[in-house]
PDB file of N, CA and C in Angstrom:
ATOM      1  N   UNK A   1       2.580  -7.213  18.415  1.00  0.00           N
ATOM      2  CA  UNK A   1       3.197  -5.931  18.102  1.00  0.00           C
ATOM      3  C   UNK A   1       3.740  -5.850  16.672  1.00  0.00           C
ATOM      4  N   UNK A   2       3.516  -4.756  15.943  1.00  0.00           N
ATOM      5  CA  UNK A   2       3.925  -4.530  14.632  1.00  0.00           C
ATOM      6  C   UNK A   2       4.606  -3.213  14.611  1.00  0.00           C
ATOM      7  N   UNK A   3       5.593  -3.007  13.548  1.00  0.00           N
ATOM      8  CA  UNK A   3       6.167  -1.745  13.412  1.00  0.00           C
ATOM      9  C   UNK A   3       5.236  -0.696  12.882  1.00  0.00           C
ATOM     10  N   UNK A   4       5.524   0.479  13.201  1.00  0.00           N
ATOM     11  CA  UNK A   4       4.621   1.565  12.707  1.00  0.00           C
ATOM     12  C   UNK A   4       5.228   1.994  11.390  1.00  0.00           C
ATOM     13  N   UNK A   5       4.251   2.199  10.361  1.00  0.00           N
ATOM     14  CA  UNK A   5       4.749   2.616   8.965  1.00  0.00           C
ATOM     15  C   UNK A   5       5.144   4.082   8.931  1.00  0.00           C
ATOM     16  N   UNK A   6       6.154   4.219   8.241  1.00  0.00           N
ATOM     17  CA  UNK A   6       6.784   5.579   8.030  1.00  0.00           C
ATOM     18  C   UNK A   6       7.051   5.869   6.614  1.00  0.00           C
ATOM     19  N   UNK A   7       7.424   7.136   6.332  1.00  0.00           N
ATOM     20  CA  UNK A   7       7.893   7.513   5.043  1.00  0.00           C
ATOM     21  C   UNK A   7       9.029   6.576   4.655  1.00  0.00           C
ATOM     22  N   UNK A   8       9.034   5.913   3.431  1.00  0.00           N
ATOM     23  CA  UNK A   8      10.026   4.980   3.067  1.00  0.00           C
ATOM     24  C   UNK A   8       9.484   3.598   3.220  1.00  0.00           C
ATOM     25  N   UNK A   9       8.188   3.349   3.675  1.00  0.00           N
ATOM     26  CA  UNK A   9       7.693   1.991   3.791  1.00  0.00           C
ATOM     27  C   UNK A   9       7.570   1.332   2.437  1.00  0.00           C
ATOM     28  N   UNK A  10       7.366   0.018   2.417  1.00  0.00           N
ATOM     29  CA  UNK A  10       7.212  -0.728   1.124  1.00  0.00           C
ATOM     30  C   UNK A  10       5.865  -1.380   1.114  1.00  0.00           C
ATOM     31  N   UNK A  11       5.143  -1.280  -0.077  1.00  0.00           N
ATOM     32  CA  UNK A  11       3.921  -2.006  -0.209  1.00  0.00           C
ATOM     33  C   UNK A  11       4.081  -3.083  -1.343  1.00  0.00           C
ATOM     34  N   UNK A  12       3.314  -4.069  -1.163  1.00  0.00           N
ATOM     35  CA  UNK A  12       3.331  -5.164  -2.199  1.00  0.00           C
ATOM     36  C   UNK A  12       1.981  -5.640  -2.454  1.00  0.00           C
ATOM     37  N   UNK A  13       1.660  -6.311  -3.532  1.00  0.00           N
ATOM     38  CA  UNK A  13       0.321  -6.960  -3.769  1.00  0.00           C
ATOM     39  C   UNK A  13       0.265  -8.170  -2.858  1.00  0.00           C
ATOM     40  N   UNK A  14      -0.962  -8.424  -2.276  1.00  0.00           N
ATOM     41  CA  UNK A  14      -1.190  -9.628  -1.504  1.00  0.00           C
ATOM     42  C   UNK A  14      -1.383 -10.757  -2.387  1.00  0.00           C
ATOM     43  N   UNK A  15      -2.019 -10.591  -3.557  1.00  0.00           N
ATOM     44  CA  UNK A  15      -2.283 -11.762  -4.445  1.00  0.00           C
ATOM     45  C   UNK A  15      -1.018 -12.299  -5.086  1.00  0.00           C
ATOM     46  N   UNK A  16      -0.949 -13.589  -5.252  1.00  0.00           N
ATOM     47  CA  UNK A  16       0.091 -14.295  -5.916  1.00  0.00           C
ATOM     48  C   UNK A  16       0.110 -14.035  -7.520  1.00  0.00           C
ATOM     49  N   UNK A  17       1.089 -13.952  -8.187  1.00  0.00           N
ATOM     50  CA  UNK A  17       1.103 -13.793  -9.592  1.00  0.00           C
ATOM     51  C   UNK A  17       0.918 -12.454 -10.074  1.00  0.00           C
ATOM     52  N   UNK A  18       0.847 -11.415  -9.190  1.00  0.00           N
ATOM     53  CA  UNK A  18       0.760 -10.030  -9.546  1.00  0.00           C
ATOM     54  C   UNK A  18       1.976  -9.204  -9.202  1.00  0.00           C
ATOM     55  N   UNK A  19       2.439  -8.422 -10.154  1.00  0.00           N
ATOM     56  CA  UNK A  19       3.449  -7.593  -9.717  1.00  0.00           C
ATOM     57  C   UNK A  19       3.084  -6.118 -10.056  1.00  0.00           C
ATOM     58  N   UNK A  20       3.639  -5.147  -9.330  1.00  0.00           N
ATOM     59  CA  UNK A  20       3.337  -3.771  -9.657  1.00  0.00           C
ATOM     60  C   UNK A  20       4.632  -3.030 -10.095  1.00  0.00           C
ATOM     61  N   UNK A  21       4.529  -2.283 -11.045  1.00  0.00           N
ATOM     62  CA  UNK A  21       5.712  -1.496 -11.453  1.00  0.00           C
ATOM     63  C   UNK A  21       5.628  -0.185 -11.029  1.00  0.00           C
ATOM     64  N   UNK A  22       6.209  -0.002  -9.770  1.00  0.00           N
ATOM     65  CA  UNK A  22       6.219   1.439  -9.129  1.00  0.00           C
ATOM     66  C   UNK A  22       4.926   1.643  -8.328  1.00  0.00           C
ATOM     67  N   UNK A  23       5.020   2.587  -7.414  1.00  0.00           N
ATOM     68  CA  UNK A  23       3.847   3.073  -6.686  1.00  0.00           C
ATOM     69  C   UNK A  23       4.306   4.235  -5.927  1.00  0.00           C
ATOM     70  N   UNK A  24       3.330   5.119  -5.680  1.00  0.00           N
ATOM     71  CA  UNK A  24       3.600   6.339  -4.951  1.00  0.00           C
ATOM     72  C   UNK A  24       2.612   6.617  -3.904  1.00  0.00           C
ATOM     73  N   UNK A  25       3.109   6.916  -2.644  1.00  0.00           N
ATOM     74  CA  UNK A  25       2.200   7.348  -1.595  1.00  0.00           C
ATOM     75  C   UNK A  25       1.909   8.819  -1.753  1.00  0.00           C
ATOM     76  N   UNK A  26       0.585   9.069  -1.857  1.00  0.00           N
ATOM     77  CA  UNK A  26       0.123  10.421  -2.185  1.00  0.00           C
ATOM     78  C   UNK A  26      -0.312  11.150  -0.892  1.00  0.00           C
ATOM     79  N   UNK A  27      -0.495  10.396   0.241  1.00  0.00           N
ATOM     80  CA  UNK A  27      -0.799  11.076   1.464  1.00  0.00           C
ATOM     81  C   UNK A  27       0.537  11.372   2.138  1.00  0.00           C
ATOM     82  N   UNK A  28       0.642  12.563   2.728  1.00  0.00           N
ATOM     83  CA  UNK A  28       1.910  13.060   3.414  1.00  0.00           C
ATOM     84  C   UNK A  28       1.952  12.345   4.823  1.00  0.00           C
ATOM     85  N   UNK A  29       3.166  11.973   5.253  1.00  0.00           N
ATOM     86  CA  UNK A  29       3.295  11.504   6.526  1.00  0.00           C
ATOM     87  C   UNK A  29       3.255  12.687   7.560  1.00  0.00           C
ATOM     88  N   UNK A  30       3.127  12.321   8.886  1.00  0.00           N
ATOM     89  CA  UNK A  30       3.094  13.340   9.838  1.00  0.00           C
ATOM     90  C   UNK A  30       4.417  14.152   9.904  1.00  0.00           C
ATOM     91  N   UNK A  31       4.151  15.511  10.081  1.00  0.00           N
ATOM     92  CA  UNK A  31       5.354  16.375  10.250  1.00  0.00           C
ATOM     93  C   UNK A  31       5.555  16.683  11.744  1.00  0.00           C
ATOM     94  N   UNK A  32       4.721  15.922  12.600  1.00  0.00           N
ATOM     95  CA  UNK A  32       4.880  16.137  14.052  1.00  0.00           C
ATOM     96  C   UNK A  32       5.237  14.942  14.829  1.00  0.00           C
ATOM     97  N   UNK A  33       5.019  13.792  14.273  1.00  0.00           N
ATOM     98  CA  UNK A  33       5.328  12.428  14.946  1.00  0.00           C
ATOM     99  C   UNK A  33       6.265  11.664  14.124  1.00  0.00           C
ATOM    100  N   UNK A  34       7.347  11.146  14.729  1.00  0.00           N
ATOM    101  CA  UNK A  34       8.444  10.499  13.939  1.00  0.00           C
ATOM    102  C   UNK A  34       8.924   9.217  14.535  1.00  0.00           C
ATOM    103  N   UNK A  35       9.359   8.236  13.769  1.00  0.00           N
ATOM    104  CA  UNK A  35       9.993   7.023  14.327  1.00  0.00           C
ATOM    105  C   UNK A  35      11.251   6.884  13.363  1.00  0.00           C
ATOM    106  N   UNK A  36      12.291   6.675  13.991  1.00  0.00           N
ATOM    107  CA  UNK A  36      13.680   6.602  13.230  1.00  0.00           C
ATOM    108  C   UNK A  36      13.874   7.825  12.381  1.00  0.00           C
ATOM    109  N   UNK A  37      13.418   9.048  12.920  1.00  0.00           N
ATOM    110  CA  UNK A  37      13.545  10.315  12.227  1.00  0.00           C
ATOM    111  C   UNK A  37      12.647  10.444  10.972  1.00  0.00           C
ATOM    112  N   UNK A  38      11.700   9.547  10.663  1.00  0.00           N
ATOM    113  CA  UNK A  38      10.753   9.557   9.556  1.00  0.00           C
ATOM    114  C   UNK A  38       9.327   9.858  10.018  1.00  0.00           C
ATOM    115  N   UNK A  39       8.544  10.634   9.205  1.00  0.00           N
ATOM    116  CA  UNK A  39       7.203  10.857   9.596  1.00  0.00           C
ATOM    117  C   UNK A  39       6.352   9.628   9.542  1.00  0.00           C
ATOM    118  N   UNK A  40       5.439   9.491  10.556  1.00  0.00           N
ATOM    119  CA  UNK A  40       4.547   8.387  10.733  1.00  0.00           C
ATOM    120  C   UNK A  40       3.296   8.583   9.907  1.00  0.00           C
ATOM    121  N   UNK A  41       2.902   7.484   9.301  1.00  0.00           N
ATOM    122  CA  UNK A  41       1.591   7.526   8.506  1.00  0.00           C
ATOM    123  C   UNK A  41       0.425   7.194   9.402  1.00  0.00           C
ATOM    124  N   UNK A  42      -0.630   7.924   9.280  1.00  0.00           N
ATOM    125  CA  UNK A  42      -1.880   7.671   9.943  1.00  0.00           C
ATOM    126  C   UNK A  42      -3.004   7.991   9.190  1.00  0.00           C
ATOM    127  N   UNK A  43      -4.208   7.385   9.667  1.00  0.00           N
ATOM    128  CA  UNK A  43      -5.474   7.621   8.962  1.00  0.00           C
ATOM    129  C   UNK A  43      -5.407   6.737   7.683  1.00  0.00           C
ATOM    130  N   UNK A  44      -6.280   7.073   6.711  1.00  0.00           N
ATOM    131  CA  UNK A  44      -6.379   6.443   5.458  1.00  0.00           C
ATOM    132  C   UNK A  44      -5.211   6.938   4.539  1.00  0.00           C
ATOM    133  N   UNK A  45      -4.430   5.974   4.056  1.00  0.00           N
ATOM    134  CA  UNK A  45      -3.239   6.411   3.327  1.00  0.00           C
ATOM    135  C   UNK A  45      -3.410   6.054   1.782  1.00  0.00           C
ATOM    136  N   UNK A  46      -3.371   7.041   0.929  1.00  0.00           N
ATOM    137  CA  UNK A  46      -3.539   6.783  -0.407  1.00  0.00           C
ATOM    138  C   UNK A  46      -2.276   6.418  -1.126  1.00  0.00           C
ATOM    139  N   UNK A  47      -2.391   5.392  -1.935  1.00  0.00           N
ATOM    140  CA  UNK A  47      -1.267   4.883  -2.739  1.00  0.00           C
ATOM    141  C   UNK A  47      -1.663   4.734  -4.203  1.00  0.00           C
ATOM    142  N   UNK A  48      -0.928   5.327  -5.087  1.00  0.00           N
ATOM    143  CA  UNK A  48      -1.303   5.197  -6.494  1.00  0.00           C
ATOM    144  C   UNK A  48      -0.265   4.284  -7.212  1.00  0.00           C
ATOM    145  N   UNK A  49      -0.818   3.307  -7.891  1.00  0.00           N
ATOM    146  CA  UNK A  49      -0.098   2.420  -8.709  1.00  0.00           C
ATOM    147  C   UNK A  49      -0.273   2.771 -10.159  1.00  0.00           C
ATOM    148  N   UNK A  50       0.831   3.291 -10.833  1.00  0.00           N
ATOM    149  CA  UNK A  50       0.721   3.701 -12.210  1.00  0.00           C
ATOM    150  C   UNK A  50       0.275   2.695 -13.164  1.00  0.00           C
ATOM    151  N   UNK A  51       0.670   1.437 -12.999  1.00  0.00           N
ATOM    152  CA  UNK A  51       0.315   0.382 -13.935  1.00  0.00           C
ATOM    153  C   UNK A  51       0.516  -0.949 -13.395  1.00  0.00           C
ATOM    154  N   UNK A  52      -0.469  -1.508 -12.619  1.00  0.00           N
ATOM    155  CA  UNK A  52      -0.314  -2.845 -12.064  1.00  0.00           C
ATOM    156  C   UNK A  52      -0.354  -3.912 -13.206  1.00  0.00           C
ATOM    157  N   UNK A  53       0.542  -4.937 -13.061  1.00  0.00           N
ATOM    158  CA  UNK A  53       0.618  -5.851 -14.151  1.00  0.00           C
ATOM    159  C   UNK A  53       0.374  -7.270 -13.607  1.00  0.00           C
ATOM    160  N   UNK A  54      -0.524  -7.963 -14.200  1.00  0.00           N
ATOM    161  CA  UNK A  54      -0.805  -9.400 -13.828  1.00  0.00           C
ATOM    162  C   UNK A  54       0.168 -10.149 -14.587  1.00  0.00           C
ATOM    163  N   UNK A  55       1.159 -10.680 -13.868  1.00  0.00           N
ATOM    164  CA  UNK A  55       2.289 -11.456 -14.519  1.00  0.00           C
ATOM    165  C   UNK A  55       1.804 -12.639 -15.391  1.00  0.00           C
ATOM    166  N   UNK A  56       0.775 -13.432 -14.801  1.00  0.00           N
ATOM    167  CA  UNK A  56       0.379 -14.605 -15.354  1.00  0.00           C
ATOM    168  C   UNK A  56      -0.583 -14.096 -16.633  1.00  0.00           C
ATOM    169  N   UNK A  57      -0.138 -14.302 -17.853  1.00  0.00           N
ATOM    170  CA  UNK A  57      -1.021 -13.899 -19.014  1.00  0.00           C
ATOM    171  C   UNK A  57      -0.618 -12.460 -19.464  1.00  0.00           C
ATOM    172  N   UNK A  58       0.195 -11.763 -18.784  1.00  0.00           N
ATOM    173  CA  UNK A  58       0.717 -10.381 -19.285  1.00  0.00           C
ATOM    174  C   UNK A  58      -0.346  -9.345 -19.258  1.00  0.00           C
ATOM    175  N   UNK A  59      -1.432  -9.391 -18.489  1.00  0.00           N
ATOM    176  CA  UNK A  59      -2.351  -8.383 -18.549  1.00  0.00           C
ATOM    177  C   UNK A  59      -1.987  -7.122 -17.731  1.00  0.00           C
ATOM    178  N   UNK A  60      -2.308  -6.005 -18.417  1.00  0.00           N
ATOM    179  CA  UNK A  60      -1.817  -4.649 -17.848  1.00  0.00           C
ATOM    180  C   UNK A  60      -3.126  -3.909 -17.557  1.00  0.00           C
ATOM    181  N   UNK A  61      -3.230  -3.349 -16.317  1.00  0.00           N
ATOM    182  CA  UNK A  61      -4.414  -2.586 -15.909  1.00  0.00           C
ATOM    183  C   UNK A  61      -4.059  -1.116 -15.914  1.00  0.00           C
ATOM    184  N   UNK A  62      -5.098  -0.234 -15.910  1.00  0.00           N
ATOM    185  CA  UNK A  62      -4.835   1.232 -15.834  1.00  0.00           C
ATOM    186  C   UNK A  62      -4.398   1.747 -14.492  1.00  0.00           C
ATOM    187  N   UNK A  63      -3.852   2.878 -14.389  1.00  0.00           N
ATOM    188  CA  UNK A  63      -3.471   3.399 -13.055  1.00  0.00           C
ATOM    189  C   UNK A  63      -4.583   3.277 -12.096  1.00  0.00           C
ATOM    190  N   UNK A  64      -4.263   3.064 -10.893  1.00  0.00           N
ATOM    191  CA  UNK A  64      -5.294   2.785  -9.832  1.00  0.00           C
ATOM    192  C   UNK A  64      -4.775   3.433  -8.499  1.00  0.00           C
ATOM    193  N   UNK A  65      -5.739   3.959  -7.718  1.00  0.00           N
ATOM    194  CA  UNK A  65      -5.407   4.453  -6.376  1.00  0.00           C
ATOM    195  C   UNK A  65      -6.116   3.525  -5.393  1.00  0.00           C
ATOM    196  N   UNK A  66      -5.283   3.189  -4.300  1.00  0.00           N
ATOM    197  CA  UNK A  66      -5.716   2.366  -3.233  1.00  0.00           C
ATOM    198  C   UNK A  66      -5.680   3.140  -1.944  1.00  0.00           C
ATOM    199  N   UNK A  67      -6.467   2.750  -0.958  1.00  0.00           N
ATOM    200  CA  UNK A  67      -6.400   3.399   0.383  1.00  0.00           C
ATOM    201  C   UNK A  67      -6.029   2.266   1.357  1.00  0.00           C
ATOM    202  N   UNK A  68      -4.896   2.426   2.073  1.00  0.00           N
ATOM    203  CA  UNK A  68      -4.390   1.639   3.123  1.00  0.00           C
ATOM    204  C   UNK A  68      -5.108   1.971   4.359  1.00  0.00           C
ATOM    205  N   UNK A  69      -5.568   0.996   5.165  1.00  0.00           N
ATOM    206  CA  UNK A  69      -6.362   1.279   6.340  1.00  0.00           C
ATOM    207  C   UNK A  69      -5.543   0.913   7.624  1.00  0.00           C
ATOM    208  N   UNK A  70      -5.364   1.798   8.511  1.00  0.00           N
ATOM    209  CA  UNK A  70      -4.603   1.578   9.764  1.00  0.00           C
ATOM    210  C   UNK A  70      -5.305   0.600  10.620  1.00  0.00           C
ATOM    211  N   UNK A  71      -4.577  -0.309  11.343  1.00  0.00           N
ATOM    212  CA  UNK A  71      -5.170  -1.304  12.290  1.00  0.00           C
ATOM    213  C   UNK A  71      -4.758  -0.950  13.701  1.00  0.00           C
ATOM    214  N   UNK A  72      -3.985   0.063  13.921  1.00  0.00           N
ATOM    215  CA  UNK A  72      -3.567   0.430  15.241  1.00  0.00           C
ATOM    216  C   UNK A  72      -4.735   0.634  16.210  1.00  0.00           C
ATOM    217  N   UNK A  73      -4.650   0.015  17.445  1.00  0.00           N
ATOM    218  CA  UNK A  73      -5.671   0.269  18.354  1.00  0.00           C
ATOM    219  C   UNK A  73      -5.498   1.282  19.319  1.00  0.00           C
ATOM    220  N   UNK A  74      -4.227   1.743  19.541  1.00  0.00           N
ATOM    221  CA  UNK A  74      -3.858   2.715  20.575  1.00  0.00           C
ATOM    222  C   UNK A  74      -2.979   3.895  20.121  1.00  0.00           C
ATOM    223  N   UNK A  75      -2.024   3.627  19.169  1.00  0.00           N
ATOM    224  CA  UNK A  75      -1.104   4.595  18.786  1.00  0.00           C
ATOM    225  C   UNK A  75      -1.750   5.482  17.663  1.00  0.00           C
ATOM    226  N   UNK A  76      -1.630   6.809  17.881  1.00  0.00           N
ATOM    227  CA  UNK A  76      -2.104   7.861  16.939  1.00  0.00           C
ATOM    228  C   UNK A  76      -0.990   8.682  16.585  1.00  0.00           C
ATOM    229  N   UNK A  77      -1.218   9.340  15.407  1.00  0.00           N
ATOM    230  CA  UNK A  77      -0.303  10.508  14.922  1.00  0.00           C
ATOM    231  C   UNK A  77      -1.190  11.523  14.356  1.00  0.00           C
ATOM    232  N   UNK A  78      -1.053  12.719  14.763  1.00  0.00           N
ATOM    233  CA  UNK A  78      -2.008  13.813  14.317  1.00  0.00           C
ATOM    234  C   UNK A  78      -3.425  13.529  14.558  1.00  0.00           C
ATOM    235  N   UNK A  79      -3.765  12.850  15.663  1.00  0.00           N
ATOM    236  CA  UNK A  79      -5.087  12.512  15.983  1.00  0.00           C
ATOM    237  C   UNK A  79      -5.724  11.331  15.309  1.00  0.00           C
ATOM    238  N   UNK A  80      -5.063  10.599  14.414  1.00  0.00           N
ATOM    239  CA  UNK A  80      -5.489   9.465  13.644  1.00  0.00           C
ATOM    240  C   UNK A  80      -4.719   8.268  13.959  1.00  0.00           C
ATOM    241  N   UNK A  81      -5.349   7.133  13.887  1.00  0.00           N
ATOM    242  CA  UNK A  81      -4.640   5.873  14.277  1.00  0.00           C
ATOM    243  C   UNK A  81      -3.491   5.592  13.200  1.00  0.00           C
ATOM    244  N   UNK A  82      -2.426   5.041  13.724  1.00  0.00           N
ATOM    245  CA  UNK A  82      -1.227   4.816  12.943  1.00  0.00           C
ATOM    246  C   UNK A  82      -1.327   3.579  12.063  1.00  0.00           C
ATOM    247  N   UNK A  83      -0.776   3.650  10.900  1.00  0.00           N
ATOM    248  CA  UNK A  83      -0.655   2.532   9.979  1.00  0.00           C
ATOM    249  C   UNK A  83       0.453   1.606  10.408  1.00  0.00           C
ATOM    250  N   UNK A  84       0.260   0.342  10.400  1.00  0.00           N
ATOM    251  CA  UNK A  84       1.232  -0.623  10.892  1.00  0.00           C
ATOM    252  C   UNK A  84       1.588  -1.605   9.762  1.00  0.00           C
ATOM    253  N   UNK A  85       2.840  -2.207   9.966  1.00  0.00           N
ATOM    254  CA  UNK A  85       3.343  -3.240   9.059  1.00  0.00           C
ATOM    255  C   UNK A  85       2.244  -4.337   8.982  1.00  0.00           C
ATOM    256  N   UNK A  86       1.990  -4.768   7.690  1.00  0.00           N
ATOM    257  CA  UNK A  86       0.973  -5.761   7.533  1.00  0.00           C
ATOM    258  C   UNK A  86      -0.439  -5.277   7.205  1.00  0.00           C
ATOM    259  N   UNK A  87      -0.682  -3.939   7.510  1.00  0.00           N
ATOM    260  CA  UNK A  87      -2.009  -3.401   7.116  1.00  0.00           C
ATOM    261  C   UNK A  87      -2.254  -3.434   5.676  1.00  0.00           C
ATOM    262  N   UNK A  88      -3.602  -3.532   5.282  1.00  0.00           N
ATOM    263  CA  UNK A  88      -3.838  -3.744   3.838  1.00  0.00           C
ATOM    264  C   UNK A  88      -4.895  -2.641   3.387  1.00  0.00           C
ATOM    265  N   UNK A  89      -5.045  -2.599   2.106  1.00  0.00           N
ATOM    266  CA  UNK A  89      -5.959  -1.684   1.390  1.00  0.00           C
ATOM    267  C   UNK A  89      -7.318  -2.554   1.105  1.00  0.00           C
ATOM    268  N   UNK A  90      -8.280  -1.781   0.620  1.00  0.00           N
ATOM    269  CA  UNK A  90      -9.475  -2.470   0.169  1.00  0.00           C
ATOM    270  C   UNK A  90      -9.055  -3.212  -1.056  1.00  0.00           C
ATOM    271  N   UNK A  91      -9.862  -4.252  -1.488  1.00  0.00           N
ATOM    272  CA  UNK A  91      -9.550  -4.982  -2.655  1.00  0.00           C
ATOM    273  C   UNK A  91     -10.210  -4.380  -3.814  1.00  0.00           C
ATOM    274  N   UNK A  92      -9.504  -4.099  -4.839  1.00  0.00           N
ATOM    275  CA  UNK A  92     -10.006  -3.399  -6.044  1.00  0.00           C
ATOM    276  C   UNK A  92     -10.030  -4.381  -7.197  1.00  0.00           C
ATOM    277  N   UNK A  93     -11.190  -4.369  -7.898  1.00  0.00           N
ATOM    278  CA  UNK A  93     -11.259  -5.194  -9.121  1.00  0.00           C
ATOM    279  C   UNK A  93     -10.854  -4.402 -10.313  1.00  0.00           C
ATOM    280  N   UNK A  94      -9.822  -4.889 -11.041  1.00  0.00           N
ATOM    281  CA  UNK A  94      -9.241  -4.284 -12.197  1.00  0.00           C
ATOM    282  C   UNK A  94      -9.554  -5.009 -13.422  1.00  0.00           C
ATOM    283  N   UNK A  95      -9.711  -4.303 -14.528  1.00  0.00           N
ATOM    284  CA  UNK A  95      -9.826  -4.957 -15.885  1.00  0.00           C
ATOM    285  C   UNK A  95      -8.485  -4.685 -16.580  1.00  0.00           C
ATOM    286  N   UNK A  96      -7.827  -5.844 -16.845  1.00  0.00           N
ATOM    287  CA  UNK A  96      -6.536  -5.746 -17.505  1.00  0.00           C
ATOM    288  C   UNK A  96      -6.691  -6.085 -18.987  1.00  0.00           C
ATOM    289  N   UNK A  97      -5.756  -5.610 -19.766  1.00  0.00           N
ATOM    290  CA  UNK A  97      -5.713  -5.860 -21.188  1.00  0.00           C
ATOM    291  C   UNK A  97      -4.345  -6.524 -21.580  1.00  0.00           C
ATOM    292  N   UNK A  98      -4.367  -7.588 -22.274  1.00  0.00           N
ATOM    293  CA  UNK A  98      -3.147  -8.157 -22.802  1.00  0.00           C
ATOM    294  C   UNK A  98      -2.724  -7.328 -23.988  1.00  0.00           C
ATOM    295  N   UNK A  99      -1.604  -6.673 -23.885  1.00  0.00           N
ATOM    296  CA  UNK A  99      -1.073  -5.906 -25.001  1.00  0.00           C
ATOM    297  C   UNK A  99      -0.897  -6.626 -26.261  1.00  0.00           C
ATOM    298  N   UNK A 100      -0.500  -7.919 -26.320  1.00  0.00           N
ATOM    299  CA  UNK A 100      -0.359  -8.650 -27.486  1.00  0.00           C
ATOM    300  C   UNK A 100      -1.566  -9.145 -28.212  1.00  0.00           C
ATOM    301  N   UNK A 101      -2.546  -9.621 -27.436  1.00  0.00           N
ATOM    302  CA  UNK A 101      -3.744 -10.113 -28.065  1.00  0.00           C
ATOM    303  C   UNK A 101      -4.928  -9.156 -28.030  1.00  0.00           C
ATOM    304  N   UNK A 102      -4.893  -8.200 -27.132  1.00  0.00           N
ATOM    305  CA  UNK A 102      -6.033  -7.270 -26.920  1.00  0.00           C
ATOM    306  C   UNK A 102      -7.192  -7.887 -26.030  1.00  0.00           C
ATOM    307  N   UNK A 103      -6.872  -9.078 -25.611  1.00  0.00           N
ATOM    308  CA  UNK A 103      -7.940  -9.790 -24.685  1.00  0.00           C
ATOM    309  C   UNK A 103      -8.003  -9.070 -23.415  1.00  0.00           C
ATOM    310  N   UNK A 104      -9.148  -9.060 -22.752  1.00  0.00           N
ATOM    311  CA  UNK A 104      -9.320  -8.399 -21.429  1.00  0.00           C
ATOM    312  C   UNK A 104      -9.645  -9.538 -20.357  1.00  0.00           C
ATOM    313  N   UNK A 105      -9.341  -9.153 -19.074  1.00  0.00           N
ATOM    314  CA  UNK A 105      -9.558  -9.990 -17.983  1.00  0.00           C
ATOM    315  C   UNK A 105      -9.610  -9.198 -16.771  1.00  0.00           C
ATOM    316  N   UNK A 106     -10.597  -9.663 -15.897  1.00  0.00           N
ATOM    317  CA  UNK A 106     -10.663  -8.908 -14.487  1.00  0.00           C
ATOM    318  C   UNK A 106      -9.875  -9.698 -13.578  1.00  0.00           C
ATOM    319  N   UNK A 107      -9.246  -8.935 -12.694  1.00  0.00           N
ATOM    320  CA  UNK A 107      -8.519  -9.488 -11.553  1.00  0.00           C
ATOM    321  C   UNK A 107      -8.514  -8.586 -10.315  1.00  0.00           C
ATOM    322  N   UNK A 108      -8.413  -9.124  -9.164  1.00  0.00           N
ATOM    323  CA  UNK A 108      -8.534  -8.425  -7.875  1.00  0.00           C
ATOM    324  C   UNK A 108      -7.102  -8.041  -7.393  1.00  0.00           C
ATOM    325  N   UNK A 109      -6.938  -6.901  -6.821  1.00  0.00           N
ATOM    326  CA  UNK A 109      -5.693  -6.418  -6.289  1.00  0.00           C
ATOM    327  C   UNK A 109      -5.808  -5.757  -5.011  1.00  0.00           C
ATOM    328  N   UNK A 110      -5.073  -6.274  -3.976  1.00  0.00           N
ATOM    329  CA  UNK A 110      -5.048  -5.727  -2.595  1.00  0.00           C
ATOM    330  C   UNK A 110      -3.564  -5.406  -2.246  1.00  0.00           C
ATOM    331  N   UNK A 111      -3.220  -4.293  -1.784  1.00  0.00           N
ATOM    332  CA  UNK A 111      -1.953  -3.907  -1.270  1.00  0.00           C
ATOM    333  C   UNK A 111      -1.793  -4.042   0.161  1.00  0.00           C
ATOM    334  N   UNK A 112      -0.589  -4.373   0.635  1.00  0.00           N
ATOM    335  CA  UNK A 112      -0.200  -4.435   2.091  1.00  0.00           C
ATOM    336  C   UNK A 112       1.146  -3.830   2.202  1.00  0.00           C
ATOM    337  N   UNK A 113       1.279  -3.329   3.586  1.00  0.00           N
ATOM    338  CA  UNK A 113       2.540  -2.746   3.930  1.00  0.00           C
ATOM    339  C   UNK A 113       3.430  -4.037   4.300  1.00  0.00           C
ATOM    340  N   UNK A 114       4.436  -4.167   3.507  1.00  0.00           N
ATOM    341  CA  UNK A 114       5.352  -5.413   3.795  1.00  0.00           C
ATOM    342  C   UNK A 114       6.436  -5.063   4.763  1.00  0.00           C
ATOM    343  N   UNK A 115       7.033  -3.787   4.525  1.00  0.00           N
ATOM    344  CA  UNK A 115       8.111  -3.296   5.431  1.00  0.00           C
ATOM    345  C   UNK A 115       7.683  -1.975   5.841  1.00  0.00           C
ATOM    346  N   UNK A 116       7.743  -1.692   7.184  1.00  0.00           N
ATOM    347  CA  UNK A 116       7.253  -0.523   7.734  1.00  0.00           C
ATOM    348  C   UNK A 116       8.236   0.717   7.430  1.00  0.00           C
ATOM    349  N   UNK A 117       9.420   0.461   7.215  1.00  0.00           N
ATOM    350  CA  UNK A 117      10.369   1.551   6.931  1.00  0.00           C
ATOM    351  C   UNK A 117      11.211   2.024   8.074  1.00  0.00           C
ATOM    352  N   UNK A 118      10.927   1.408   9.317  1.00  0.00           N
ATOM    353  CA  UNK A 118      11.638   1.724  10.531  1.00  0.00           C
ATOM    354  C   UNK A 118      11.644   0.546  11.440  1.00  0.00           C
ATOM    355  N   UNK A 119      12.520   0.600  12.433  1.00  0.00           N
ATOM    356  CA  UNK A 119      12.725  -0.555  13.300  1.00  0.00           C
ATOM    357  C   UNK A 119      12.739  -0.229  14.730  1.00  0.00           C
ATOM    358  N   UNK A 120      12.203   0.906  15.203  1.00  0.00           N
ATOM    359  CA  UNK A 120      12.245   1.195  16.523  1.00  0.00           C
ATOM    360  C   UNK A 120      10.928   1.356  17.225  1.00  0.00           C
ATOM    361  N   UNK A 121       9.832   1.550  16.599  1.00  0.00           N
ATOM    362  CA  UNK A 121       8.549   1.806  17.352  1.00  0.00           C
ATOM    363  C   UNK A 121       7.540   0.773  16.833  1.00  0.00           C
ATOM    364  N   UNK A 122       7.077  -0.061  17.836  1.00  0.00           N
ATOM    365  CA  UNK A 122       6.016  -1.091  17.578  1.00  0.00           C
ATOM    366  C   UNK A 122       4.758  -0.668  18.282  1.00  0.00           C
ATOM    367  N   UNK A 123       3.617  -1.109  17.633  1.00  0.00           N
ATOM    368  CA  UNK A 123       2.301  -0.729  18.287  1.00  0.00           C
ATOM    369  C   UNK A 123       1.378  -1.925  18.040  1.00  0.00           C
ATOM    370  N   UNK A 124       0.209  -1.768  18.730  1.00  0.00           N
ATOM    371  CA  UNK A 124      -0.850  -2.776  18.426  1.00  0.00           C
ATOM    372  C   UNK A 124      -2.217  -2.176  18.335  1.00  0.00           C
TER     373      UNK A 124
END
């Protein structure tokens, strides 16, 4: 059982050595289904990362949008399966540039829901 993701959840990169400087969920949570008084996310959830940074080597990539995919088997909100803590996005290959040297490098980035944002509703 995992917590259901709601407005205020936290996402982080899955890969080691990568940090992201800010992110925004661009999909609205449900206005009908709530956990801890916060709207539940369901269906494909779009997250925009304004500038993911590869810490090792200082490479900076352009703004990127990811889609988090719900893994709930039974719980739905607004007719779509709920997003759960631990759910991930597709892996995106980014081309980063080192601002100091101008060198470029490709790296992969996957986001996951690290904290659901509530502690009262679990699902599978």
